[in-house]
Amino acid sequence: MNIQEVPLSPNNQQFSIALGDVNVQLKLVWRDAAWWILDILDSTGIALLSGAPLVPGVNLLAQYPTLGINGVLSVVSDDESEEYPTKTNLGIDSHLYFLQE
């Protein structure tokens, strides 16, 4: 099993990354009412997935098998008392991992 931490910081951000064999862009934006939101774009910037909340403990890709990204994308918090990544702890105490078998 290959485990890859997606490098994040507690800032709005967009960057390119390979998730398994698929090159994508990840866009993360803080939305006060909705917390951190993830968009996945193809390598040319076309949206493949828009508005997915960073919910810990679930496979964020499970509902989207047509993306062709084979693996698990999951949020894990170091602090069990904080269920969701906060505006200031993304990439510090809350991490995004991609797991591929």
PDB file of N, CA and C in Angstrom:
ATOM      1  N   MET A   1       0.837  -1.168   0.000  1.00  0.00           N
ATOM      2  CA  MET A   1       0.000   0.000   0.000  1.00  0.00           C
ATOM      3  C   MET A   1       0.892   1.245   0.000  1.00  0.00           C
ATOM      4  N   ASN A   2       0.566   2.197  -0.836  1.00  0.00           N
ATOM      5  CA  ASN A   2       1.297   3.449  -0.948  1.00  0.00           C
ATOM      6  C   ASN A   2       0.487   4.555  -0.283  1.00  0.00           C
ATOM      7  N   ILE A   3       1.075   5.228   0.710  1.00  0.00           N
ATOM      8  CA  ILE A   3       0.401   6.326   1.409  1.00  0.00           C
ATOM      9  C   ILE A   3       1.154   7.606   1.118  1.00  0.00           C
ATOM     10  N   GLN A   4       0.419   8.614   0.652  1.00  0.00           N
ATOM     11  CA  GLN A   4       1.003   9.896   0.275  1.00  0.00           C
ATOM     12  C   GLN A   4       0.258  11.013   1.007  1.00  0.00           C
ATOM     13  N   GLU A   5       0.982  11.823   1.768  1.00  0.00           N
ATOM     14  CA  GLU A   5       0.331  12.988   2.376  1.00  0.00           C
ATOM     15  C   GLU A   5       0.305  14.114   1.346  1.00  0.00           C
ATOM     16  N   VAL A   6      -0.858  14.676   1.163  1.00  0.00           N
ATOM     17  CA  VAL A   6      -1.015  15.815   0.259  1.00  0.00           C
ATOM     18  C   VAL A   6      -0.559  17.045   1.043  1.00  0.00           C
ATOM     19  N   PRO A   7       0.456  17.760   0.543  1.00  0.00           N
ATOM     20  CA  PRO A   7       0.990  18.901   1.302  1.00  0.00           C
ATOM     21  C   PRO A   7       0.010  20.068   1.300  1.00  0.00           C
ATOM     22  N   LEU A   8      -0.458  20.435   2.485  1.00  0.00           N
ATOM     23  CA  LEU A   8      -1.424  21.524   2.610  1.00  0.00           C
ATOM     24  C   LEU A   8      -0.962  22.536   3.640  1.00  0.00           C
ATOM     25  N   SER A   9      -1.517  23.725   3.543  1.00  0.00           N
ATOM     26  CA  SER A   9      -1.311  24.770   4.528  1.00  0.00           C
ATOM     27  C   SER A   9      -2.675  25.403   4.803  1.00  0.00           C
ATOM     28  N   PRO A  10      -2.819  26.133   5.900  1.00  0.00           N
ATOM     29  CA  PRO A  10      -4.113  26.721   6.220  1.00  0.00           C
ATOM     30  C   PRO A  10      -4.380  28.004   5.422  1.00  0.00           C
ATOM     31  N   ASN A  11      -4.275  27.888   4.109  1.00  0.00           N
ATOM     32  CA  ASN A  11      -4.523  29.003   3.190  1.00  0.00           C
ATOM     33  C   ASN A  11      -5.310  28.471   1.999  1.00  0.00           C
ATOM     34  N   ASN A  12      -6.083  29.345   1.356  1.00  0.00           N
ATOM     35  CA  ASN A  12      -6.675  28.962   0.081  1.00  0.00           C
ATOM     36  C   ASN A  12      -5.529  28.629  -0.854  1.00  0.00           C
ATOM     37  N   GLN A  13      -5.666  27.565  -1.639  1.00  0.00           N
ATOM     38  CA  GLN A  13      -4.546  27.121  -2.465  1.00  0.00           C
ATOM     39  C   GLN A  13      -5.018  26.302  -3.650  1.00  0.00           C
ATOM     40  N   GLN A  14      -4.188  26.275  -4.672  1.00  0.00           N
ATOM     41  CA  GLN A  14      -4.416  25.427  -5.836  1.00  0.00           C
ATOM     42  C   GLN A  14      -3.060  24.970  -6.334  1.00  0.00           C
ATOM     43  N   PHE A  15      -2.937  23.660  -6.592  1.00  0.00           N
ATOM     44  CA  PHE A  15      -1.664  23.111  -7.025  1.00  0.00           C
ATOM     45  C   PHE A  15      -1.887  21.817  -7.791  1.00  0.00           C
ATOM     46  N   SER A  16      -0.888  21.424  -8.544  1.00  0.00           N
ATOM     47  CA  SER A  16      -0.916  20.168  -9.302  1.00  0.00           C
ATOM     48  C   SER A  16      -0.303  19.065  -8.466  1.00  0.00           C
ATOM     49  N   ILE A  17      -0.867  17.856  -8.638  1.00  0.00           N
ATOM     50  CA  ILE A  17      -0.368  16.703  -7.889  1.00  0.00           C
ATOM     51  C   ILE A  17      -0.760  15.437  -8.644  1.00  0.00           C
ATOM     52  N   ALA A  18       0.046  14.405  -8.505  1.00  0.00           N
ATOM     53  CA  ALA A  18      -0.304  13.092  -9.046  1.00  0.00           C
ATOM     54  C   ALA A  18      -0.938  12.278  -7.927  1.00  0.00           C
ATOM     55  N   LEU A  19      -2.175  11.843  -8.165  1.00  0.00           N
ATOM     56  CA  LEU A  19      -2.849  10.929  -7.248  1.00  0.00           C
ATOM     57  C   LEU A  19      -2.880   9.581  -7.954  1.00  0.00           C
ATOM     58  N   GLY A  20      -1.955   8.723  -7.565  1.00  0.00           N
ATOM     59  CA  GLY A  20      -1.778   7.474  -8.290  1.00  0.00           C
ATOM     60  C   GLY A  20      -1.247   7.778  -9.678  1.00  0.00           C
ATOM     61  N   ASP A  21      -1.946   7.303 -10.681  1.00  0.00           N
ATOM     62  CA  ASP A  21      -1.534   7.502 -12.072  1.00  0.00           C
ATOM     63  C   ASP A  21      -2.210   8.699 -12.723  1.00  0.00           C
ATOM     64  N   VAL A  22      -2.946   9.479 -11.961  1.00  0.00           N
ATOM     65  CA  VAL A  22      -3.731  10.582 -12.524  1.00  0.00           C
ATOM     66  C   VAL A  22      -3.163  11.918 -12.053  1.00  0.00           C
ATOM     67  N   ASN A  23      -2.819  12.783 -13.004  1.00  0.00           N
ATOM     68  CA  ASN A  23      -2.364  14.134 -12.679  1.00  0.00           C
ATOM     69  C   ASN A  23      -3.567  15.059 -12.620  1.00  0.00           C
ATOM     70  N   VAL A  24      -3.732  15.722 -11.479  1.00  0.00           N
ATOM     71  CA  VAL A  24      -4.862  16.617 -11.274  1.00  0.00           C
ATOM     72  C   VAL A  24      -4.376  17.896 -10.598  1.00  0.00           C
ATOM     73  N   GLN A  25      -5.270  18.841 -10.512  1.00  0.00           N
ATOM     74  CA  GLN A  25      -5.062  20.029  -9.706  1.00  0.00           C
ATOM     75  C   GLN A  25      -6.051  19.961  -8.551  1.00  0.00           C
ATOM     76  N   LEU A  26      -5.586  20.268  -7.363  1.00  0.00           N
ATOM     77  CA  LEU A  26      -6.458  20.364  -6.205  1.00  0.00           C
ATOM     78  C   LEU A  26      -6.605  21.829  -5.839  1.00  0.00           C
ATOM     79  N   LYS A  27      -7.827  22.226  -5.582  1.00  0.00           N
ATOM     80  CA  LYS A  27      -8.120  23.590  -5.151  1.00  0.00           C
ATOM     81  C   LYS A  27      -8.855  23.484  -3.824  1.00  0.00           C
ATOM     82  N   LEU A  28      -8.312  24.122  -2.804  1.00  0.00           N
ATOM     83  CA  LEU A  28      -8.937  24.126  -1.487  1.00  0.00           C
ATOM     84  C   LEU A  28      -9.231  25.556  -1.086  1.00  0.00           C
ATOM     85  N   VAL A  29     -10.475  25.777  -0.673  1.00  0.00           N
ATOM     86  CA  VAL A  29     -10.930  27.122  -0.331  1.00  0.00           C
ATOM     87  C   VAL A  29     -11.666  27.060   0.996  1.00  0.00           C
ATOM     88  N   TRP A  30     -11.364  28.006   1.871  1.00  0.00           N
ATOM     89  CA  TRP A  30     -12.081  28.113   3.134  1.00  0.00           C
ATOM     90  C   TRP A  30     -13.395  28.853   2.891  1.00  0.00           C
ATOM     91  N   ARG A  31     -14.489  28.258   3.273  1.00  0.00           N
ATOM     92  CA  ARG A  31     -15.820  28.863   3.209  1.00  0.00           C
ATOM     93  C   ARG A  31     -16.344  28.888   4.634  1.00  0.00           C
ATOM     94  N   ASP A  32     -16.513  30.064   5.192  1.00  0.00           N
ATOM     95  CA  ASP A  32     -16.878  30.182   6.606  1.00  0.00           C
ATOM     96  C   ASP A  32     -18.012  29.248   7.017  1.00  0.00           C
ATOM     97  N   ALA A  33     -19.091  29.218   6.256  1.00  0.00           N
ATOM     98  CA  ALA A  33     -20.253  28.399   6.631  1.00  0.00           C
ATOM     99  C   ALA A  33     -20.055  26.921   6.323  1.00  0.00           C
ATOM    100  N   ALA A  34     -19.166  26.595   5.400  1.00  0.00           N
ATOM    101  CA  ALA A  34     -19.005  25.209   4.955  1.00  0.00           C
ATOM    102  C   ALA A  34     -17.619  24.639   5.267  1.00  0.00           C
ATOM    103  N   TRP A  35     -16.777  25.396   5.941  1.00  0.00           N
ATOM    104  CA  TRP A  35     -15.422  24.972   6.290  1.00  0.00           C
ATOM    105  C   TRP A  35     -14.564  24.843   5.037  1.00  0.00           C
ATOM    106  N   TRP A  36     -13.656  23.847   4.971  1.00  0.00           N
ATOM    107  CA  TRP A  36     -12.779  23.678   3.817  1.00  0.00           C
ATOM    108  C   TRP A  36     -13.507  22.912   2.717  1.00  0.00           C
ATOM    109  N   ILE A  37     -13.410  23.417   1.495  1.00  0.00           N
ATOM    110  CA  ILE A  37     -14.061  22.820   0.335  1.00  0.00           C
ATOM    111  C   ILE A  37     -12.983  22.446  -0.688  1.00  0.00           C
ATOM    112  N   LEU A  38     -13.127  21.261  -1.281  1.00  0.00           N
ATOM    113  CA  LEU A  38     -12.172  20.733  -2.250  1.00  0.00           C
ATOM    114  C   LEU A  38     -12.780  20.693  -3.640  1.00  0.00           C
ATOM    115  N   ASP A  39     -12.038  21.192  -4.608  1.00  0.00           N
ATOM    116  CA  ASP A  39     -12.345  21.010  -6.026  1.00  0.00           C
ATOM    117  C   ASP A  39     -11.200  20.202  -6.626  1.00  0.00           C
ATOM    118  N   ILE A  40     -11.527  19.291  -7.519  1.00  0.00           N
ATOM    119  CA  ILE A  40     -10.517  18.545  -8.266  1.00  0.00           C
ATOM    120  C   ILE A  40     -10.695  18.922  -9.727  1.00  0.00           C
ATOM    121  N   LEU A  41      -9.586  19.362 -10.342  1.00  0.00           N
ATOM    122  CA  LEU A  41      -9.595  19.766 -11.743  1.00  0.00           C
ATOM    123  C   LEU A  41      -8.637  18.882 -12.518  1.00  0.00           C
ATOM    124  N   ASP A  42      -8.892  18.724 -13.812  1.00  0.00           N
ATOM    125  CA  ASP A  42      -7.936  17.966 -14.612  1.00  0.00           C
ATOM    126  C   ASP A  42      -6.691  18.823 -14.830  1.00  0.00           C
ATOM    127  N   SER A  43      -5.722  18.306 -15.528  1.00  0.00           N
ATOM    128  CA  SER A  43      -4.443  19.006 -15.689  1.00  0.00           C
ATOM    129  C   SER A  43      -4.568  20.297 -16.492  1.00  0.00           C
ATOM    130  N   THR A  44      -5.684  20.465 -17.215  1.00  0.00           N
ATOM    131  CA  THR A  44      -5.893  21.701 -17.983  1.00  0.00           C
ATOM    132  C   THR A  44      -6.757  22.721 -17.231  1.00  0.00           C
ATOM    133  N   GLY A  45      -7.227  22.346 -16.037  1.00  0.00           N
ATOM    134  CA  GLY A  45      -8.017  23.263 -15.236  1.00  0.00           C
ATOM    135  C   GLY A  45      -9.520  23.091 -15.342  1.00  0.00           C
ATOM    136  N   ILE A  46      -9.979  22.056 -16.033  1.00  0.00           N
ATOM    137  CA  ILE A  46     -11.413  21.788 -16.138  1.00  0.00           C
ATOM    138  C   ILE A  46     -11.870  21.041 -14.892  1.00  0.00           C
ATOM    139  N   ALA A  47     -12.951  21.532 -14.282  1.00  0.00           N
ATOM    140  CA  ALA A  47     -13.452  20.944 -13.037  1.00  0.00           C
ATOM    141  C   ALA A  47     -13.955  19.521 -13.254  1.00  0.00           C
ATOM    142  N   LEU A  48     -13.461  18.604 -12.434  1.00  0.00           N
ATOM    143  CA  LEU A  48     -13.938  17.229 -12.405  1.00  0.00           C
ATOM    144  C   LEU A  48     -14.872  17.010 -11.225  1.00  0.00           C
ATOM    145  N   LEU A  49     -14.591  17.703 -10.129  1.00  0.00           N
ATOM    146  CA  LEU A  49     -15.371  17.615  -8.902  1.00  0.00           C
ATOM    147  C   LEU A  49     -15.336  18.992  -8.253  1.00  0.00           C
ATOM    148  N   SER A  50     -16.496  19.498  -7.881  1.00  0.00           N
ATOM    149  CA  SER A  50     -16.560  20.830  -7.277  1.00  0.00           C
ATOM    150  C   SER A  50     -17.347  20.792  -5.973  1.00  0.00           C
ATOM    151  N   GLY A  51     -16.810  21.456  -4.973  1.00  0.00           N
ATOM    152  CA  GLY A  51     -17.550  21.682  -3.741  1.00  0.00           C
ATOM    153  C   GLY A  51     -17.618  20.529  -2.772  1.00  0.00           C
ATOM    154  N   ALA A  52     -16.619  19.653  -2.749  1.00  0.00           N
ATOM    155  CA  ALA A  52     -16.617  18.536  -1.804  1.00  0.00           C
ATOM    156  C   ALA A  52     -16.062  19.009  -0.458  1.00  0.00           C
ATOM    157  N   PRO A  53     -16.842  18.884   0.617  1.00  0.00           N
ATOM    158  CA  PRO A  53     -16.328  19.285   1.934  1.00  0.00           C
ATOM    159  C   PRO A  53     -15.287  18.295   2.431  1.00  0.00           C
ATOM    160  N   LEU A  54     -14.295  18.796   3.150  1.00  0.00           N
ATOM    161  CA  LEU A  54     -13.259  17.926   3.725  1.00  0.00           C
ATOM    162  C   LEU A  54     -13.810  17.288   4.998  1.00  0.00           C
ATOM    163  N   VAL A  55     -14.469  16.159   4.837  1.00  0.00           N
ATOM    164  CA  VAL A  55     -15.065  15.424   5.946  1.00  0.00           C
ATOM    165  C   VAL A  55     -14.077  14.355   6.398  1.00  0.00           C
ATOM    166  N   PRO A  56     -13.652  14.392   7.658  1.00  0.00           N
ATOM    167  CA  PRO A  56     -12.689  13.406   8.140  1.00  0.00           C
ATOM    168  C   PRO A  56     -13.267  11.998   8.190  1.00  0.00           C
ATOM    169  N   GLY A  57     -12.385  11.022   7.979  1.00  0.00           N
ATOM    170  CA  GLY A  57     -12.735   9.631   8.181  1.00  0.00           C
ATOM    171  C   GLY A  57     -13.531   8.961   7.079  1.00  0.00           C
ATOM    172  N   VAL A  58     -13.725   9.642   5.959  1.00  0.00           N
ATOM    173  CA  VAL A  58     -14.426   9.018   4.828  1.00  0.00           C
ATOM    174  C   VAL A  58     -13.553   9.114   3.596  1.00  0.00           C
ATOM    175  N   ASN A  59     -13.811   8.256   2.630  1.00  0.00           N
ATOM    176  CA  ASN A  59     -13.118   8.331   1.348  1.00  0.00           C
ATOM    177  C   ASN A  59     -13.803   9.409   0.512  1.00  0.00           C
ATOM    178  N   LEU A  60     -13.153  10.526   0.333  1.00  0.00           N
ATOM    179  CA  LEU A  60     -13.740  11.638  -0.415  1.00  0.00           C
ATOM    180  C   LEU A  60     -13.983  11.289  -1.874  1.00  0.00           C
ATOM    181  N   LEU A  61     -13.336  10.233  -2.377  1.00  0.00           N
ATOM    182  CA  LEU A  61     -13.484   9.826  -3.776  1.00  0.00           C
ATOM    183  C   LEU A  61     -14.531   8.730  -3.979  1.00  0.00           C
ATOM    184  N   ALA A  62     -15.041   8.145  -2.913  1.00  0.00           N
ATOM    185  CA  ALA A  62     -15.912   6.978  -3.015  1.00  0.00           C
ATOM    186  C   ALA A  62     -17.144   7.223  -3.876  1.00  0.00           C
ATOM    187  N   GLN A  63     -17.705   8.410  -3.807  1.00  0.00           N
ATOM    188  CA  GLN A  63     -18.916   8.714  -4.563  1.00  0.00           C
ATOM    189  C   GLN A  63     -18.636   9.061  -6.022  1.00  0.00           C
ATOM    190  N   TYR A  64     -17.366   9.132  -6.394  1.00  0.00           N
ATOM    191  CA  TYR A  64     -16.999   9.619  -7.720  1.00  0.00           C
ATOM    192  C   TYR A  64     -16.077   8.640  -8.458  1.00  0.00           C
ATOM    193  N   PRO A  65     -16.515   7.411  -8.691  1.00  0.00           N
ATOM    194  CA  PRO A  65     -15.639   6.431  -9.364  1.00  0.00           C
ATOM    195  C   PRO A  65     -15.320   6.819 -10.804  1.00  0.00           C
ATOM    196  N   THR A  66     -16.143   7.667 -11.413  1.00  0.00           N
ATOM    197  CA  THR A  66     -15.899   8.053 -12.806  1.00  0.00           C
ATOM    198  C   THR A  66     -14.706   8.998 -12.954  1.00  0.00           C
ATOM    199  N   LEU A  67     -14.170   9.496 -11.834  1.00  0.00           N
ATOM    200  CA  LEU A  67     -12.977  10.339 -11.914  1.00  0.00           C
ATOM    201  C   LEU A  67     -11.771   9.547 -12.391  1.00  0.00           C
ATOM    202  N   GLY A  68     -11.797   8.243 -12.185  1.00  0.00           N
ATOM    203  CA  GLY A  68     -10.677   7.401 -12.601  1.00  0.00           C
ATOM    204  C   GLY A  68      -9.492   7.455 -11.662  1.00  0.00           C
ATOM    205  N   ILE A  69      -9.678   7.996 -10.473  1.00  0.00           N
ATOM    206  CA  ILE A  69      -8.605   8.050  -9.475  1.00  0.00           C
ATOM    207  C   ILE A  69      -8.789   6.843  -8.569  1.00  0.00           C
ATOM    208  N   ASN A  70      -7.910   5.880  -8.708  1.00  0.00           N
ATOM    209  CA  ASN A  70      -8.035   4.639  -7.942  1.00  0.00           C
ATOM    210  C   ASN A  70      -7.282   4.758  -6.630  1.00  0.00           C
ATOM    211  N   GLY A  71      -8.027   4.924  -5.569  1.00  0.00           N
ATOM    212  CA  GLY A  71      -7.433   5.045  -4.256  1.00  0.00           C
ATOM    213  C   GLY A  71      -8.407   5.702  -3.305  1.00  0.00           C
ATOM    214  N   VAL A  72      -7.903   6.022  -2.143  1.00  0.00           N
ATOM    215  CA  VAL A  72      -8.690   6.635  -1.084  1.00  0.00           C
ATOM    216  C   VAL A  72      -8.085   7.998  -0.775  1.00  0.00           C
ATOM    217  N   LEU A  73      -8.928   9.012  -0.731  1.00  0.00           N
ATOM    218  CA  LEU A  73      -8.518  10.358  -0.329  1.00  0.00           C
ATOM    219  C   LEU A  73      -9.252  10.658   0.969  1.00  0.00           C
ATOM    220  N   SER A  74      -8.506  10.817   2.059  1.00  0.00           N
ATOM    221  CA  SER A  74      -9.136  10.914   3.373  1.00  0.00           C
ATOM    222  C   SER A  74      -8.449  11.955   4.250  1.00  0.00           C
ATOM    223  N   VAL A  75      -9.272  12.634   5.039  1.00  0.00           N
ATOM    224  CA  VAL A  75      -8.792  13.622   6.009  1.00  0.00           C
ATOM    225  C   VAL A  75      -8.646  12.940   7.364  1.00  0.00           C
ATOM    226  N   VAL A  76      -7.518  13.178   8.018  1.00  0.00           N
ATOM    227  CA  VAL A  76      -7.252  12.615   9.340  1.00  0.00           C
ATOM    228  C   VAL A  76      -6.794  13.755  10.241  1.00  0.00           C
ATOM    229  N   SER A  77      -7.371  13.807  11.447  1.00  0.00           N
ATOM    230  CA  SER A  77      -7.000  14.846  12.404  1.00  0.00           C
ATOM    231  C   SER A  77      -6.116  14.256  13.494  1.00  0.00           C
ATOM    232  N   ASP A  78      -5.089  15.003  13.887  1.00  0.00           N
ATOM    233  CA  ASP A  78      -4.235  14.592  15.003  1.00  0.00           C
ATOM    234  C   ASP A  78      -4.979  14.725  16.326  1.00  0.00           C
ATOM    235  N   ASP A  79      -5.909  15.669  16.379  1.00  0.00           N
ATOM    236  CA  ASP A  79      -6.660  15.975  17.595  1.00  0.00           C
ATOM    237  C   ASP A  79      -8.083  15.449  17.435  1.00  0.00           C
ATOM    238  N   GLU A  80      -8.394  14.375  18.153  1.00  0.00           N
ATOM    239  CA  GLU A  80      -9.705  13.750  18.017  1.00  0.00           C
ATOM    240  C   GLU A  80     -10.848  14.656  18.467  1.00  0.00           C
ATOM    241  N   SER A  81     -10.555  15.692  19.240  1.00  0.00           N
ATOM    242  CA  SER A  81     -11.618  16.593  19.694  1.00  0.00           C
ATOM    243  C   SER A  81     -12.053  17.554  18.590  1.00  0.00           C
ATOM    244  N   GLU A  82     -11.226  17.728  17.570  1.00  0.00           N
ATOM    245  CA  GLU A  82     -11.586  18.586  16.442  1.00  0.00           C
ATOM    246  C   GLU A  82     -11.998  17.694  15.283  1.00  0.00           C
ATOM    247  N   GLU A  83     -13.296  17.648  15.028  1.00  0.00           N
ATOM    248  CA  GLU A  83     -13.807  16.744  14.010  1.00  0.00           C
ATOM    249  C   GLU A  83     -13.420  17.185  12.602  1.00  0.00           C
ATOM    250  N   TYR A  84     -13.542  18.466  12.313  1.00  0.00           N
ATOM    251  CA  TYR A  84     -13.257  18.976  10.976  1.00  0.00           C
ATOM    252  C   TYR A  84     -12.007  19.839  10.994  1.00  0.00           C
ATOM    253  N   PRO A  85     -11.294  19.907   9.868  1.00  0.00           N
ATOM    254  CA  PRO A  85     -10.165  20.839   9.789  1.00  0.00           C
ATOM    255  C   PRO A  85     -10.661  22.268   9.994  1.00  0.00           C
ATOM    256  N   THR A  86      -9.963  23.008  10.824  1.00  0.00           N
ATOM    257  CA  THR A  86     -10.350  24.389  11.081  1.00  0.00           C
ATOM    258  C   THR A  86      -9.649  25.320  10.096  1.00  0.00           C
ATOM    259  N   LYS A  87     -10.009  26.567  10.164  1.00  0.00           N
ATOM    260  CA  LYS A  87      -9.413  27.559   9.261  1.00  0.00           C
ATOM    261  C   LYS A  87      -7.907  27.654   9.450  1.00  0.00           C
ATOM    262  N   THR A  88      -7.430  27.356  10.658  1.00  0.00           N
ATOM    263  CA  THR A  88      -6.012  27.553  10.956  1.00  0.00           C
ATOM    264  C   THR A  88      -5.196  26.277  11.136  1.00  0.00           C
ATOM    265  N   ASN A  89      -5.838  25.078  11.077  1.00  0.00           N
ATOM    266  CA  ASN A  89      -5.041  23.870  11.333  1.00  0.00           C
ATOM    267  C   ASN A  89      -4.882  22.942  10.129  1.00  0.00           C
ATOM    268  N   LEU A  90      -5.397  23.329   8.968  1.00  0.00           N
ATOM    269  CA  LEU A  90      -5.275  22.472   7.785  1.00  0.00           C
ATOM    270  C   LEU A  90      -3.799  22.279   7.430  1.00  0.00           C
ATOM    271  N   GLY A  91      -3.380  21.033   7.329  1.00  0.00           N
ATOM    272  CA  GLY A  91      -1.988  20.728   7.013  1.00  0.00           C
ATOM    273  C   GLY A  91      -1.080  20.745   8.226  1.00  0.00           C
ATOM    274  N   ILE A  92      -1.609  21.177   9.366  1.00  0.00           N
ATOM    275  CA  ILE A  92      -0.819  21.222  10.605  1.00  0.00           C
ATOM    276  C   ILE A  92      -1.290  20.119  11.547  1.00  0.00           C
ATOM    277  N   ASP A  93      -2.554  20.187  11.960  1.00  0.00           N
ATOM    278  CA  ASP A  93      -3.155  19.159  12.812  1.00  0.00           C
ATOM    279  C   ASP A  93      -4.158  18.301  12.048  1.00  0.00           C
ATOM    280  N   SER A  94      -4.593  18.763  10.892  1.00  0.00           N
ATOM    281  CA  SER A  94      -5.493  17.999  10.029  1.00  0.00           C
ATOM    282  C   SER A  94      -4.760  17.743   8.713  1.00  0.00           C
ATOM    283  N   HIS A  95      -4.750  16.498   8.291  1.00  0.00           N
ATOM    284  CA  HIS A  95      -3.955  16.103   7.129  1.00  0.00           C
ATOM    285  C   HIS A  95      -4.832  15.422   6.089  1.00  0.00           C
ATOM    286  N   LEU A  96      -4.436  15.558   4.828  1.00  0.00           N
ATOM    287  CA  LEU A  96      -5.119  14.904   3.721  1.00  0.00           C
ATOM    288  C   LEU A  96      -4.178  13.840   3.176  1.00  0.00           C
ATOM    289  N   TYR A  97      -4.646  12.591   3.146  1.00  0.00           N
ATOM    290  CA  TYR A  97      -3.828  11.476   2.676  1.00  0.00           C
ATOM    291  C   TYR A  97      -4.469  10.825   1.453  1.00  0.00           C
ATOM    292  N   PHE A  98      -3.613  10.379   0.528  1.00  0.00           N
ATOM    293  CA  PHE A  98      -4.037   9.554  -0.581  1.00  0.00           C
ATOM    294  C   PHE A  98      -3.437   8.184  -0.402  1.00  0.00           C
ATOM    295  N   LEU A  99      -4.277   7.155  -0.373  1.00  0.00           N
ATOM    296  CA  LEU A  99      -3.832   5.778  -0.203  1.00  0.00           C
ATOM    297  C   LEU A  99      -4.153   5.005  -1.465  1.00  0.00           C
ATOM    298  N   GLN A 100      -3.154   4.318  -1.969  1.00  0.00           N
ATOM    299  CA  GLN A 100      -3.339   3.495  -3.164  1.00  0.00           C
ATOM    300  C   GLN A 100      -2.762   2.114  -2.920  1.00  0.00           C
ATOM    301  N   GLU A 101      -3.545   1.094  -3.250  1.00  0.00           N
ATOM    302  CA  GLU A 101      -3.067  -0.284  -3.060  1.00  0.00           C
ATOM    303  C   GLU A 101      -2.297  -0.735  -4.269  1.00  0.00           C
TER     304      GLU A 101
END
